[in-house]
Amino acid sequence: MVKTIPVPIRGIVGTKRELNLKSAIQSFSCRDNEVESFLKNKAIDFEVRHKSRTYLMLDEEESDVDEPIIYGFFTLTMKTLELTQSLSKSTIKKIDGFSKDVRATEAILLGQLGKNKDYQTQIDGQSILDEAIETVYDIHKLVGGRIVFLECVEHPKLIDFYERNGFISLQKSGDYLQMIRYL
């Protein structure tokens, strides 16, 4: 396993390393085409427009080389979590902290999490998620918030992975299952 560190894209965009970053991003390959497409086609634009923050998992000893290998990445943002009528009032109150009658709440969204399939033996999903959750807690210390959530396809292995890491299934949203973790 490679010892990786999360490196924010925002620290590279606008520097002389940006072209090399774009090349490294284009070399990234993931089993999930949607996750791969986000990194290749949207991550830098979302970064520049302050829509989200993406962190690249780079080899700790090679994080400042011109063309690093991206072993994995995660993306965080703030998003309104719409609460459906199917949720119990006690669940809504636990999520909101005050009211059982709210229909939405602001939360941190773990929008993307992916690992490079060409280097899958050098990093695991757990390492990436651990770094993402650590960053979520840094945000939590600064601005508060009660939950982090994610949206994923209903694949048993994926759901089990998130449940082992403190997430619970909340509700469906279109084709995705929304899962939350209390902070």
N, C-alpha and C. Protein backbone atom coordinates (compact mmCIF):
# COMPACT_ATOMS: atom_id res chain seq x y z
N MET A 1 0.83 -1.18 0.00
CA MET A 1 0.00 0.00 0.00
C MET A 1 0.88 1.25 0.00
N VAL A 2 0.49 2.18 -0.80
CA VAL A 2 1.18 3.46 -0.87
C VAL A 2 0.62 4.36 0.23
N LYS A 3 1.48 5.09 0.90
CA LYS A 3 1.02 6.06 1.90
C LYS A 3 0.63 7.33 1.15
N THR A 4 -0.69 7.62 1.15
CA THR A 4 -1.19 8.76 0.40
C THR A 4 -1.63 9.88 1.33
N ILE A 5 -1.70 11.07 0.75
CA ILE A 5 -2.24 12.24 1.45
C ILE A 5 -3.24 12.92 0.51
N PRO A 6 -4.26 13.55 1.08
CA PRO A 6 -5.21 14.29 0.23
C PRO A 6 -4.63 15.65 -0.13
N VAL A 7 -4.59 15.93 -1.42
CA VAL A 7 -4.08 17.22 -1.91
C VAL A 7 -5.24 17.93 -2.61
N PRO A 8 -5.61 19.12 -2.11
CA PRO A 8 -6.74 19.81 -2.73
C PRO A 8 -6.39 20.32 -4.14
N ILE A 9 -7.30 20.14 -5.06
CA ILE A 9 -7.10 20.66 -6.42
C ILE A 9 -6.88 22.17 -6.37
N ARG A 10 -7.56 22.86 -5.47
CA ARG A 10 -7.47 24.33 -5.43
C ARG A 10 -6.05 24.81 -5.22
N GLY A 11 -5.19 23.98 -4.62
CA GLY A 11 -3.80 24.36 -4.41
C GLY A 11 -2.95 24.24 -5.67
N ILE A 12 -3.49 23.60 -6.70
CA ILE A 12 -2.74 23.37 -7.94
C ILE A 12 -3.26 24.23 -9.09
N VAL A 13 -4.60 24.43 -9.11
CA VAL A 13 -5.21 25.23 -10.18
C VAL A 13 -4.62 26.64 -10.15
N GLY A 14 -4.23 27.13 -11.30
CA GLY A 14 -3.66 28.46 -11.41
C GLY A 14 -2.16 28.52 -11.21
N THR A 15 -1.53 27.36 -10.99
CA THR A 15 -0.08 27.31 -10.85
C THR A 15 0.52 26.67 -12.09
N LYS A 16 1.83 26.64 -12.16
CA LYS A 16 2.49 26.02 -13.30
C LYS A 16 2.26 24.51 -13.35
N ARG A 17 1.79 23.93 -12.25
CA ARG A 17 1.53 22.48 -12.20
C ARG A 17 0.15 22.12 -12.77
N GLU A 18 -0.66 23.11 -13.14
CA GLU A 18 -2.03 22.82 -13.58
C GLU A 18 -2.08 21.95 -14.84
N LEU A 19 -1.21 22.20 -15.80
CA LEU A 19 -1.22 21.37 -17.02
C LEU A 19 -0.88 19.92 -16.71
N ASN A 20 0.09 19.72 -15.83
CA ASN A 20 0.44 18.36 -15.43
C ASN A 20 -0.70 17.70 -14.64
N LEU A 21 -1.40 18.51 -13.85
CA LEU A 21 -2.55 18.00 -13.12
C LEU A 21 -3.61 17.50 -14.10
N LYS A 22 -3.88 18.28 -15.12
CA LYS A 22 -4.89 17.88 -16.11
C LYS A 22 -4.48 16.58 -16.80
N SER A 23 -3.21 16.42 -17.09
CA SER A 23 -2.72 15.19 -17.70
C SER A 23 -2.90 14.00 -16.74
N ALA A 24 -2.58 14.20 -15.47
CA ALA A 24 -2.73 13.14 -14.47
C ALA A 24 -4.21 12.76 -14.31
N ILE A 25 -5.08 13.76 -14.34
CA ILE A 25 -6.52 13.50 -14.24
C ILE A 25 -6.99 12.67 -15.43
N GLN A 26 -6.52 13.00 -16.62
CA GLN A 26 -6.94 12.24 -17.81
C GLN A 26 -6.44 10.80 -17.77
N SER A 27 -5.39 10.53 -16.99
CA SER A 27 -4.88 9.16 -16.85
C SER A 27 -5.65 8.34 -15.82
N PHE A 28 -6.50 9.01 -15.04
CA PHE A 28 -7.25 8.33 -13.99
C PHE A 28 -8.31 7.42 -14.59
N SER A 29 -8.40 6.22 -14.07
CA SER A 29 -9.37 5.24 -14.56
C SER A 29 -10.10 4.62 -13.38
N CYS A 30 -11.42 4.61 -13.45
CA CYS A 30 -12.23 4.13 -12.34
C CYS A 30 -13.27 3.14 -12.84
N ARG A 31 -13.67 2.20 -12.00
CA ARG A 31 -14.70 1.25 -12.39
C ARG A 31 -16.06 1.92 -12.60
N ASP A 32 -16.29 3.02 -11.90
CA ASP A 32 -17.55 3.75 -12.01
C ASP A 32 -17.37 4.88 -13.03
N ASN A 33 -17.99 4.74 -14.18
CA ASN A 33 -17.83 5.72 -15.26
C ASN A 33 -18.29 7.11 -14.86
N GLU A 34 -19.34 7.20 -14.03
CA GLU A 34 -19.85 8.49 -13.60
C GLU A 34 -18.84 9.21 -12.71
N VAL A 35 -18.21 8.47 -11.81
CA VAL A 35 -17.20 9.03 -10.92
C VAL A 35 -15.99 9.48 -11.74
N GLU A 36 -15.55 8.64 -12.66
CA GLU A 36 -14.41 8.99 -13.52
C GLU A 36 -14.73 10.23 -14.35
N SER A 37 -15.92 10.28 -14.92
CA SER A 37 -16.32 11.43 -15.74
C SER A 37 -16.33 12.72 -14.94
N PHE A 38 -16.78 12.65 -13.68
CA PHE A 38 -16.77 13.85 -12.84
C PHE A 38 -15.36 14.39 -12.71
N LEU A 39 -14.43 13.52 -12.36
CA LEU A 39 -13.05 13.98 -12.17
C LEU A 39 -12.49 14.57 -13.46
N LYS A 40 -12.71 13.90 -14.57
CA LYS A 40 -12.12 14.32 -15.84
C LYS A 40 -12.80 15.56 -16.44
N ASN A 41 -14.09 15.72 -16.22
CA ASN A 41 -14.83 16.75 -16.94
C ASN A 41 -15.40 17.87 -16.09
N LYS A 42 -15.49 17.69 -14.78
CA LYS A 42 -16.16 18.70 -13.97
C LYS A 42 -15.36 19.18 -12.75
N ALA A 43 -14.49 18.37 -12.21
CA ALA A 43 -13.85 18.69 -10.93
C ALA A 43 -13.14 20.04 -10.94
N ILE A 44 -12.34 20.31 -11.95
CA ILE A 44 -11.60 21.59 -11.98
C ILE A 44 -12.56 22.76 -12.14
N ASP A 45 -13.55 22.62 -13.02
CA ASP A 45 -14.53 23.69 -13.22
C ASP A 45 -15.31 23.95 -11.92
N PHE A 46 -15.74 22.90 -11.24
CA PHE A 46 -16.46 23.07 -9.98
C PHE A 46 -15.57 23.72 -8.93
N GLU A 47 -14.28 23.40 -8.96
CA GLU A 47 -13.32 24.00 -8.04
C GLU A 47 -13.20 25.51 -8.28
N VAL A 48 -13.00 25.87 -9.53
CA VAL A 48 -12.84 27.29 -9.90
C VAL A 48 -14.09 28.10 -9.57
N ARG A 49 -15.26 27.48 -9.75
CA ARG A 49 -16.53 28.17 -9.48
C ARG A 49 -16.99 28.03 -8.02
N HIS A 50 -16.15 27.43 -7.19
CA HIS A 50 -16.43 27.25 -5.76
C HIS A 50 -17.72 26.46 -5.51
N LYS A 51 -18.01 25.48 -6.37
CA LYS A 51 -19.18 24.62 -6.22
C LYS A 51 -18.86 23.44 -5.30
N SER A 52 -17.62 23.01 -5.31
CA SER A 52 -17.21 21.88 -4.48
C SER A 52 -15.70 21.93 -4.32
N ARG A 53 -15.22 21.04 -3.47
CA ARG A 53 -13.77 20.88 -3.26
C ARG A 53 -13.41 19.42 -3.50
N THR A 54 -12.44 19.22 -4.37
CA THR A 54 -11.97 17.87 -4.69
C THR A 54 -10.56 17.70 -4.17
N TYR A 55 -10.33 16.56 -3.54
CA TYR A 55 -9.04 16.22 -2.96
C TYR A 55 -8.50 14.98 -3.66
N LEU A 56 -7.29 15.09 -4.16
CA LEU A 56 -6.64 13.99 -4.86
C LEU A 56 -5.76 13.21 -3.89
N MET A 57 -5.87 11.90 -3.92
CA MET A 57 -5.05 11.07 -3.06
C MET A 57 -3.75 10.77 -3.82
N LEU A 58 -2.67 11.43 -3.38
CA LEU A 58 -1.37 11.31 -4.03
C LEU A 58 -0.38 10.65 -3.08
N ASP A 59 0.63 10.03 -3.64
CA ASP A 59 1.71 9.43 -2.87
C ASP A 59 2.35 10.54 -2.03
N GLU A 60 2.40 10.31 -0.71
CA GLU A 60 2.92 11.32 0.21
C GLU A 60 4.32 11.80 -0.20
N GLU A 61 5.16 10.90 -0.69
CA GLU A 61 6.52 11.26 -1.05
C GLU A 61 6.63 11.88 -2.43
N GLU A 62 5.56 11.76 -3.25
CA GLU A 62 5.61 12.28 -4.61
C GLU A 62 4.52 13.32 -4.88
N SER A 63 3.93 13.88 -3.83
CA SER A 63 2.80 14.78 -4.00
C SER A 63 3.16 16.08 -4.70
N ASP A 64 4.45 16.43 -4.70
CA ASP A 64 4.84 17.68 -5.35
C ASP A 64 5.60 17.46 -6.67
N VAL A 65 5.60 16.22 -7.18
CA VAL A 65 6.23 15.99 -8.48
C VAL A 65 5.35 16.59 -9.57
N ASP A 66 5.95 16.83 -10.74
CA ASP A 66 5.23 17.51 -11.81
C ASP A 66 3.99 16.75 -12.27
N GLU A 67 4.11 15.45 -12.48
CA GLU A 67 2.95 14.69 -12.94
C GLU A 67 2.70 13.51 -12.00
N PRO A 68 1.94 13.79 -10.94
CA PRO A 68 1.72 12.74 -9.94
C PRO A 68 0.73 11.68 -10.43
N ILE A 69 0.74 10.55 -9.76
CA ILE A 69 -0.27 9.52 -9.99
C ILE A 69 -1.41 9.78 -9.02
N ILE A 70 -2.62 9.83 -9.53
CA ILE A 70 -3.80 9.99 -8.69
C ILE A 70 -4.30 8.59 -8.33
N TYR A 71 -4.16 8.23 -7.07
CA TYR A 71 -4.57 6.90 -6.61
C TYR A 71 -6.07 6.86 -6.33
N GLY A 72 -6.62 7.98 -5.97
CA GLY A 72 -8.04 8.09 -5.67
C GLY A 72 -8.38 9.54 -5.44
N PHE A 73 -9.65 9.81 -5.16
CA PHE A 73 -10.06 11.17 -4.88
C PHE A 73 -11.40 11.17 -4.16
N PHE A 74 -11.73 12.32 -3.58
CA PHE A 74 -13.08 12.53 -3.04
C PHE A 74 -13.45 13.99 -3.23
N THR A 75 -14.74 14.23 -3.29
CA THR A 75 -15.26 15.58 -3.50
C THR A 75 -16.31 15.87 -2.43
N LEU A 76 -16.23 17.06 -1.84
CA LEU A 76 -17.17 17.50 -0.82
C LEU A 76 -17.81 18.81 -1.25
N THR A 77 -19.05 19.01 -0.82
CA THR A 77 -19.75 20.26 -1.06
C THR A 77 -20.86 20.40 -0.03
N MET A 78 -21.51 21.54 0.00
CA MET A 78 -22.70 21.75 0.82
C MET A 78 -23.90 21.58 -0.09
N LYS A 79 -24.93 20.93 0.43
CA LYS A 79 -26.13 20.72 -0.38
C LYS A 79 -27.34 20.63 0.54
N THR A 80 -28.46 21.06 0.02
CA THR A 80 -29.71 20.90 0.75
C THR A 80 -30.18 19.46 0.61
N LEU A 81 -30.44 18.83 1.73
CA LEU A 81 -30.99 17.48 1.75
C LEU A 81 -32.50 17.62 1.92
N GLU A 82 -33.24 17.27 0.88
CA GLU A 82 -34.70 17.29 0.94
C GLU A 82 -35.16 16.07 1.71
N LEU A 83 -36.02 16.28 2.69
CA LEU A 83 -36.51 15.20 3.53
C LEU A 83 -37.91 14.81 3.06
N THR A 84 -38.08 13.56 2.70
CA THR A 84 -39.35 13.11 2.12
C THR A 84 -40.39 12.85 3.20
N GLN A 85 -41.64 12.79 2.77
CA GLN A 85 -42.77 12.54 3.67
C GLN A 85 -42.68 11.15 4.31
N SER A 86 -41.92 10.24 3.70
CA SER A 86 -41.84 8.88 4.21
C SER A 86 -41.03 8.77 5.51
N LEU A 87 -40.28 9.81 5.85
CA LEU A 87 -39.46 9.77 7.06
C LEU A 87 -40.31 10.04 8.30
N SER A 88 -39.99 9.36 9.38
CA SER A 88 -40.72 9.59 10.63
C SER A 88 -40.36 10.96 11.19
N LYS A 89 -41.26 11.49 11.99
CA LYS A 89 -41.02 12.80 12.61
C LYS A 89 -39.82 12.74 13.56
N SER A 90 -39.62 11.61 14.22
CA SER A 90 -38.48 11.49 15.13
C SER A 90 -37.16 11.49 14.35
N THR A 91 -37.15 10.85 13.16
CA THR A 91 -35.94 10.87 12.31
C THR A 91 -35.66 12.29 11.84
N ILE A 92 -36.71 12.99 11.42
CA ILE A 92 -36.54 14.38 10.96
C ILE A 92 -36.00 15.24 12.09
N LYS A 93 -36.55 15.10 13.28
CA LYS A 93 -36.08 15.90 14.41
C LYS A 93 -34.62 15.58 14.75
N LYS A 94 -34.25 14.30 14.67
CA LYS A 94 -32.86 13.93 14.95
C LYS A 94 -31.92 14.54 13.91
N ILE A 95 -32.34 14.56 12.66
CA ILE A 95 -31.52 15.15 11.60
C ILE A 95 -31.41 16.66 11.78
N ASP A 96 -32.55 17.32 12.04
CA ASP A 96 -32.59 18.78 12.15
C ASP A 96 -32.04 19.30 13.47
N GLY A 97 -32.32 18.59 14.54
CA GLY A 97 -31.86 19.02 15.85
C GLY A 97 -32.86 19.88 16.60
N PHE A 98 -33.86 20.42 15.90
CA PHE A 98 -34.86 21.27 16.53
C PHE A 98 -36.28 20.83 16.25
N SER A 99 -36.60 20.77 14.97
CA SER A 99 -37.99 20.60 14.56
C SER A 99 -38.24 19.25 13.89
N LYS A 100 -39.44 18.75 14.11
CA LYS A 100 -39.85 17.52 13.45
C LYS A 100 -40.64 17.80 12.17
N ASP A 101 -40.80 19.08 11.85
CA ASP A 101 -41.65 19.48 10.72
C ASP A 101 -40.88 20.09 9.54
N VAL A 102 -39.55 20.10 9.59
CA VAL A 102 -38.79 20.67 8.47
C VAL A 102 -38.85 19.74 7.27
N ARG A 103 -38.68 20.29 6.11
CA ARG A 103 -38.71 19.50 4.88
C ARG A 103 -37.34 19.46 4.20
N ALA A 104 -36.38 20.20 4.75
CA ALA A 104 -35.04 20.22 4.17
C ALA A 104 -34.04 20.70 5.21
N THR A 105 -32.79 20.32 5.03
CA THR A 105 -31.72 20.77 5.91
C THR A 105 -30.43 20.86 5.10
N GLU A 106 -29.56 21.77 5.49
CA GLU A 106 -28.25 21.88 4.86
C GLU A 106 -27.32 20.82 5.44
N ALA A 107 -26.50 20.25 4.59
CA ALA A 107 -25.59 19.21 5.05
C ALA A 107 -24.36 19.16 4.15
N ILE A 108 -23.36 18.49 4.62
CA ILE A 108 -22.17 18.25 3.81
C ILE A 108 -22.45 17.03 2.94
N LEU A 109 -22.21 17.16 1.66
CA LEU A 109 -22.40 16.06 0.72
C LEU A 109 -21.05 15.48 0.33
N LEU A 110 -20.90 14.18 0.54
CA LEU A 110 -19.76 13.46 -0.02
C LEU A 110 -20.19 13.11 -1.43
N GLY A 111 -19.84 13.99 -2.36
CA GLY A 111 -20.38 13.91 -3.72
C GLY A 111 -19.73 12.86 -4.58
N GLN A 112 -18.46 12.63 -4.40
CA GLN A 112 -17.74 11.66 -5.21
C GLN A 112 -16.69 10.99 -4.34
N LEU A 113 -16.44 9.74 -4.62
CA LEU A 113 -15.37 9.00 -3.98
C LEU A 113 -14.97 7.91 -4.97
N GLY A 114 -13.72 7.94 -5.39
CA GLY A 114 -13.29 6.95 -6.37
C GLY A 114 -11.83 6.59 -6.20
N LYS A 115 -11.50 5.39 -6.69
CA LYS A 115 -10.10 4.99 -6.67
C LYS A 115 -9.70 4.56 -8.07
N ASN A 116 -8.43 4.74 -8.35
CA ASN A 116 -7.88 4.43 -9.66
C ASN A 116 -7.74 2.91 -9.80
N LYS A 117 -8.48 2.34 -10.75
CA LYS A 117 -8.45 0.87 -10.89
C LYS A 117 -7.10 0.36 -11.36
N ASP A 118 -6.27 1.22 -11.95
CA ASP A 118 -4.94 0.80 -12.37
C ASP A 118 -3.98 0.65 -11.19
N TYR A 119 -4.37 1.16 -10.02
CA TYR A 119 -3.53 1.09 -8.83
C TYR A 119 -4.32 0.57 -7.63
N GLN A 120 -5.30 -0.27 -7.89
CA GLN A 120 -6.20 -0.70 -6.82
C GLN A 120 -5.52 -1.49 -5.70
N THR A 121 -4.36 -2.06 -5.95
CA THR A 121 -3.66 -2.76 -4.87
C THR A 121 -2.84 -1.80 -4.01
N GLN A 122 -2.65 -0.57 -4.48
CA GLN A 122 -1.87 0.41 -3.72
C GLN A 122 -2.73 1.27 -2.78
N ILE A 123 -4.05 1.24 -2.95
CA ILE A 123 -4.94 2.03 -2.09
C ILE A 123 -6.27 1.31 -2.00
N ASP A 124 -6.95 1.50 -0.88
CA ASP A 124 -8.28 0.92 -0.77
C ASP A 124 -9.30 2.02 -0.52
N GLY A 125 -10.55 1.68 -0.73
CA GLY A 125 -11.62 2.65 -0.54
C GLY A 125 -11.70 3.16 0.89
N GLN A 126 -11.34 2.30 1.84
CA GLN A 126 -11.38 2.70 3.25
C GLN A 126 -10.45 3.88 3.51
N SER A 127 -9.26 3.86 2.94
CA SER A 127 -8.29 4.95 3.14
C SER A 127 -8.84 6.26 2.60
N ILE A 128 -9.47 6.19 1.44
CA ILE A 128 -10.03 7.40 0.83
C ILE A 128 -11.18 7.92 1.68
N LEU A 129 -12.09 7.03 2.10
CA LEU A 129 -13.21 7.45 2.93
C LEU A 129 -12.74 8.01 4.26
N ASP A 130 -11.73 7.40 4.86
CA ASP A 130 -11.20 7.91 6.13
C ASP A 130 -10.71 9.36 5.98
N GLU A 131 -10.00 9.64 4.90
CA GLU A 131 -9.53 11.02 4.66
C GLU A 131 -10.71 11.96 4.42
N ALA A 132 -11.71 11.49 3.69
CA ALA A 132 -12.89 12.32 3.43
C ALA A 132 -13.60 12.65 4.73
N ILE A 133 -13.79 11.66 5.59
CA ILE A 133 -14.47 11.89 6.87
C ILE A 133 -13.65 12.81 7.77
N GLU A 134 -12.34 12.65 7.75
CA GLU A 134 -11.49 13.56 8.53
C GLU A 134 -11.68 15.00 8.05
N THR A 135 -11.75 15.20 6.75
CA THR A 135 -11.98 16.54 6.20
C THR A 135 -13.37 17.04 6.56
N VAL A 136 -14.36 16.16 6.54
CA VAL A 136 -15.73 16.53 6.95
C VAL A 136 -15.71 17.05 8.39
N TYR A 137 -14.99 16.38 9.28
CA TYR A 137 -14.93 16.83 10.67
C TYR A 137 -14.19 18.17 10.80
N ASP A 138 -13.22 18.43 9.94
CA ASP A 138 -12.58 19.75 9.93
C ASP A 138 -13.60 20.82 9.57
N ILE A 139 -14.42 20.55 8.57
CA ILE A 139 -15.49 21.48 8.17
C ILE A 139 -16.48 21.64 9.33
N HIS A 140 -16.85 20.54 9.93
CA HIS A 140 -17.80 20.53 11.04
C HIS A 140 -17.31 21.43 12.18
N LYS A 141 -16.03 21.36 12.49
CA LYS A 141 -15.47 22.20 13.56
C LYS A 141 -15.59 23.69 13.23
N LEU A 142 -15.48 24.04 11.95
CA LEU A 142 -15.51 25.43 11.54
C LEU A 142 -16.92 26.01 11.40
N VAL A 143 -17.84 25.22 10.86
CA VAL A 143 -19.16 25.79 10.55
C VAL A 143 -20.33 25.03 11.17
N GLY A 144 -20.08 23.93 11.86
CA GLY A 144 -21.18 23.16 12.44
C GLY A 144 -21.78 22.21 11.43
N GLY A 145 -23.02 21.88 11.68
CA GLY A 145 -23.71 20.91 10.84
C GLY A 145 -23.94 19.64 11.63
N ARG A 146 -24.95 18.89 11.24
CA ARG A 146 -25.32 17.71 12.01
C ARG A 146 -25.04 16.40 11.28
N ILE A 147 -25.00 16.47 9.92
CA ILE A 147 -24.83 15.23 9.17
C ILE A 147 -23.96 15.44 7.94
N VAL A 148 -23.43 14.32 7.47
CA VAL A 148 -22.82 14.22 6.15
C VAL A 148 -23.68 13.19 5.42
N PHE A 149 -23.91 13.41 4.13
CA PHE A 149 -24.68 12.42 3.40
C PHE A 149 -24.05 12.14 2.05
N LEU A 150 -24.51 11.04 1.46
CA LEU A 150 -24.04 10.64 0.14
C LEU A 150 -25.21 10.02 -0.60
N GLU A 151 -25.04 9.92 -1.89
CA GLU A 151 -26.03 9.28 -2.75
C GLU A 151 -25.31 8.21 -3.53
N CYS A 152 -25.82 6.98 -3.46
CA CYS A 152 -25.13 5.88 -4.14
C CYS A 152 -26.14 4.95 -4.79
N VAL A 153 -25.66 4.17 -5.73
CA VAL A 153 -26.51 3.14 -6.33
C VAL A 153 -26.73 2.06 -5.27
N GLU A 154 -27.85 1.38 -5.39
CA GLU A 154 -28.18 0.36 -4.40
C GLU A 154 -27.50 -0.96 -4.74
N HIS A 155 -26.21 -0.99 -4.48
CA HIS A 155 -25.42 -2.20 -4.68
C HIS A 155 -25.06 -2.71 -3.28
N PRO A 156 -25.39 -3.98 -2.98
CA PRO A 156 -25.18 -4.50 -1.62
C PRO A 156 -23.77 -4.29 -1.06
N LYS A 157 -22.73 -4.51 -1.85
CA LYS A 157 -21.36 -4.32 -1.35
C LYS A 157 -21.09 -2.86 -0.99
N LEU A 158 -21.60 -1.96 -1.81
CA LEU A 158 -21.41 -0.53 -1.58
C LEU A 158 -22.15 -0.09 -0.32
N ILE A 159 -23.39 -0.51 -0.20
CA ILE A 159 -24.18 -0.16 0.99
C ILE A 159 -23.52 -0.72 2.24
N ASP A 160 -23.06 -1.96 2.19
CA ASP A 160 -22.39 -2.58 3.33
C ASP A 160 -21.13 -1.78 3.72
N PHE A 161 -20.36 -1.36 2.72
CA PHE A 161 -19.16 -0.58 2.96
C PHE A 161 -19.49 0.70 3.74
N TYR A 162 -20.49 1.43 3.28
CA TYR A 162 -20.86 2.67 3.95
C TYR A 162 -21.47 2.41 5.33
N GLU A 163 -22.27 1.36 5.47
CA GLU A 163 -22.84 1.04 6.77
C GLU A 163 -21.75 0.68 7.78
N ARG A 164 -20.72 -0.02 7.36
CA ARG A 164 -19.60 -0.34 8.26
C ARG A 164 -18.86 0.92 8.70
N ASN A 165 -19.09 2.01 7.98
CA ASN A 165 -18.43 3.27 8.30
C ASN A 165 -19.39 4.30 8.88
N GLY A 166 -20.47 3.82 9.48
CA GLY A 166 -21.35 4.69 10.24
C GLY A 166 -22.48 5.35 9.48
N PHE A 167 -22.64 5.05 8.21
CA PHE A 167 -23.75 5.63 7.44
C PHE A 167 -24.98 4.74 7.60
N ILE A 168 -26.14 5.36 7.57
CA ILE A 168 -27.40 4.62 7.59
C ILE A 168 -28.24 5.03 6.39
N SER A 169 -28.99 4.08 5.88
CA SER A 169 -29.87 4.37 4.75
C SER A 169 -30.97 5.31 5.21
N LEU A 170 -31.26 6.31 4.41
CA LEU A 170 -32.28 7.29 4.77
C LEU A 170 -33.50 7.21 3.87
N GLN A 171 -33.27 7.40 2.55
CA GLN A 171 -34.38 7.48 1.62
C GLN A 171 -33.87 7.36 0.19
N LYS A 172 -34.79 7.13 -0.71
CA LYS A 172 -34.47 7.11 -2.14
C LYS A 172 -34.56 8.52 -2.70
N SER A 173 -33.71 8.81 -3.67
CA SER A 173 -33.76 10.07 -4.41
C SER A 173 -33.49 9.72 -5.87
N GLY A 174 -34.55 9.61 -6.64
CA GLY A 174 -34.39 9.17 -8.03
C GLY A 174 -33.84 7.75 -8.07
N ASP A 175 -32.73 7.58 -8.79
CA ASP A 175 -32.11 6.27 -8.92
C ASP A 175 -31.14 5.95 -7.79
N TYR A 176 -30.99 6.85 -6.84
CA TYR A 176 -29.97 6.69 -5.81
C TYR A 176 -30.56 6.51 -4.41
N LEU A 177 -29.79 5.85 -3.57
CA LEU A 177 -30.11 5.73 -2.17
C LEU A 177 -29.33 6.82 -1.43
N GLN A 178 -30.01 7.60 -0.60
CA GLN A 178 -29.32 8.59 0.21
C GLN A 178 -29.02 7.95 1.56
N MET A 179 -27.77 8.10 1.97
CA MET A 179 -27.31 7.58 3.25
C MET A 179 -26.74 8.73 4.05
N ILE A 180 -26.95 8.71 5.37
CA ILE A 180 -26.45 9.79 6.23
C ILE A 180 -25.56 9.22 7.33
N ARG A 181 -24.71 10.10 7.84
CA ARG A 181 -23.89 9.79 9.01
C ARG A 181 -23.97 11.00 9.92
N TYR A 182 -24.35 10.77 11.15
CA TYR A 182 -24.43 11.86 12.13
C TYR A 182 -23.02 12.27 12.53
N LEU A 183 -22.83 13.56 12.73
CA LEU A 183 -21.53 14.10 13.13
C LEU A 183 -21.51 14.39 14.63
